[in-house]
Amino acid sequence: MRSALDIVSAVEPCFDILSLISGRFDSSREKPARCWKCLMRKR
């Protein structure tokens, strides 16, 4: 899984990050896959 720093470093040059939240995909699996939910605004 990517870290929050990985996400910020990749998008920050072009976007302002308004929200970055760790989450999980909706799944019937015992351990659902993790994800990042990111709300951004173009610079």
N, C-alpha and C. Protein backbone atom coordinates (compact mmCIF):
# COMPACT_ATOMS: atom_id res chain seq x y z
N MET A 1 0.84 -1.19 0.00
CA MET A 1 0.00 0.00 0.00
C MET A 1 0.88 1.24 0.00
N ARG A 2 0.46 2.23 -0.71
CA ARG A 2 1.18 3.50 -0.75
C ARG A 2 0.95 4.27 0.54
N SER A 3 1.92 5.04 0.93
CA SER A 3 1.78 5.88 2.14
C SER A 3 1.12 7.21 1.75
N ALA A 4 0.66 7.92 2.76
CA ALA A 4 0.09 9.25 2.52
C ALA A 4 1.14 10.16 1.89
N LEU A 5 2.38 10.03 2.31
CA LEU A 5 3.46 10.83 1.74
C LEU A 5 3.64 10.53 0.25
N ASP A 6 3.52 9.26 -0.14
CA ASP A 6 3.60 8.88 -1.56
C ASP A 6 2.52 9.60 -2.38
N ILE A 7 1.30 9.60 -1.85
CA ILE A 7 0.18 10.23 -2.55
C ILE A 7 0.40 11.74 -2.66
N VAL A 8 0.74 12.37 -1.55
CA VAL A 8 0.95 13.82 -1.52
C VAL A 8 2.08 14.21 -2.48
N SER A 9 3.19 13.50 -2.43
CA SER A 9 4.34 13.82 -3.29
C SER A 9 3.99 13.71 -4.77
N ALA A 10 3.16 12.74 -5.12
CA ALA A 10 2.80 12.53 -6.52
C ALA A 10 1.86 13.60 -7.07
N VAL A 11 0.91 14.09 -6.28
CA VAL A 11 -0.12 14.97 -6.81
C VAL A 11 0.04 16.44 -6.43
N GLU A 12 0.81 16.72 -5.40
CA GLU A 12 0.92 18.08 -4.88
C GLU A 12 1.41 19.11 -5.91
N PRO A 13 2.29 18.76 -6.85
CA PRO A 13 2.70 19.78 -7.82
C PRO A 13 1.55 20.32 -8.68
N CYS A 14 0.52 19.53 -8.91
CA CYS A 14 -0.58 19.93 -9.79
C CYS A 14 -1.90 20.18 -9.06
N PHE A 15 -2.03 19.68 -7.84
CA PHE A 15 -3.30 19.75 -7.13
C PHE A 15 -3.12 20.18 -5.68
N ASP A 16 -4.10 20.90 -5.15
CA ASP A 16 -4.20 21.17 -3.72
C ASP A 16 -5.01 20.03 -3.12
N ILE A 17 -4.49 19.39 -2.10
CA ILE A 17 -5.22 18.30 -1.46
C ILE A 17 -6.15 18.89 -0.41
N LEU A 18 -7.44 18.65 -0.58
CA LEU A 18 -8.45 19.15 0.35
C LEU A 18 -8.74 18.13 1.44
N SER A 19 -8.61 16.84 1.09
CA SER A 19 -8.90 15.77 2.05
C SER A 19 -8.17 14.51 1.59
N LEU A 20 -7.57 13.79 2.53
CA LEU A 20 -6.91 12.52 2.25
C LEU A 20 -7.23 11.57 3.39
N ILE A 21 -8.01 10.53 3.08
CA ILE A 21 -8.52 9.62 4.12
C ILE A 21 -8.21 8.18 3.73
N SER A 22 -7.71 7.41 4.67
CA SER A 22 -7.49 5.98 4.46
C SER A 22 -8.82 5.26 4.62
N GLY A 23 -9.08 4.29 3.73
CA GLY A 23 -10.34 3.56 3.81
C GLY A 23 -10.18 2.13 3.33
N ARG A 24 -11.30 1.46 3.18
CA ARG A 24 -11.32 0.09 2.67
C ARG A 24 -12.41 -0.02 1.62
N PHE A 25 -12.15 -0.84 0.59
CA PHE A 25 -13.18 -1.09 -0.42
C PHE A 25 -14.30 -1.91 0.19
N ASP A 26 -15.51 -1.66 -0.25
CA ASP A 26 -16.66 -2.44 0.21
C ASP A 26 -16.53 -3.84 -0.39
N SER A 27 -16.46 -4.85 0.46
CA SER A 27 -16.24 -6.21 -0.02
C SER A 27 -16.76 -7.21 1.00
N SER A 28 -17.06 -8.41 0.52
CA SER A 28 -17.49 -9.46 1.42
C SER A 28 -16.29 -10.28 1.93
N ARG A 29 -15.09 -9.91 1.53
CA ARG A 29 -13.88 -10.60 2.00
C ARG A 29 -13.64 -10.33 3.48
N GLU A 30 -12.94 -11.24 4.11
CA GLU A 30 -12.62 -11.08 5.53
C GLU A 30 -11.76 -9.83 5.76
N LYS A 31 -10.80 -9.59 4.87
CA LYS A 31 -9.93 -8.41 4.95
C LYS A 31 -10.05 -7.63 3.64
N PRO A 32 -10.98 -6.67 3.55
CA PRO A 32 -11.13 -5.90 2.31
C PRO A 32 -9.86 -5.11 1.97
N ALA A 33 -9.63 -4.90 0.69
CA ALA A 33 -8.47 -4.14 0.24
C ALA A 33 -8.54 -2.70 0.75
N ARG A 34 -7.39 -2.16 1.10
CA ARG A 34 -7.32 -0.78 1.59
C ARG A 34 -7.21 0.18 0.40
N CYS A 35 -7.58 1.44 0.62
CA CYS A 35 -7.51 2.44 -0.44
C CYS A 35 -7.32 3.81 0.19
N TRP A 36 -7.02 4.78 -0.65
CA TRP A 36 -6.97 6.18 -0.25
C TRP A 36 -8.13 6.89 -0.92
N LYS A 37 -8.84 7.72 -0.16
CA LYS A 37 -9.88 8.59 -0.71
C LYS A 37 -9.31 10.00 -0.67
N CYS A 38 -9.17 10.59 -1.84
CA CYS A 38 -8.49 11.88 -1.93
C CYS A 38 -9.37 12.87 -2.69
N LEU A 39 -9.61 14.01 -2.08
CA LEU A 39 -10.32 15.11 -2.72
C LEU A 39 -9.31 16.19 -3.02
N MET A 40 -9.22 16.56 -4.30
CA MET A 40 -8.21 17.51 -4.75
C MET A 40 -8.83 18.63 -5.58
N ARG A 41 -8.12 19.74 -5.64
CA ARG A 41 -8.51 20.86 -6.49
C ARG A 41 -7.30 21.20 -7.37
N LYS A 42 -7.56 21.37 -8.66
CA LYS A 42 -6.48 21.72 -9.59
C LYS A 42 -5.90 23.07 -9.21
N ARG A 43 -4.59 23.16 -9.26
CA ARG A 43 -3.90 24.44 -8.95
C ARG A 43 -4.07 25.43 -10.09
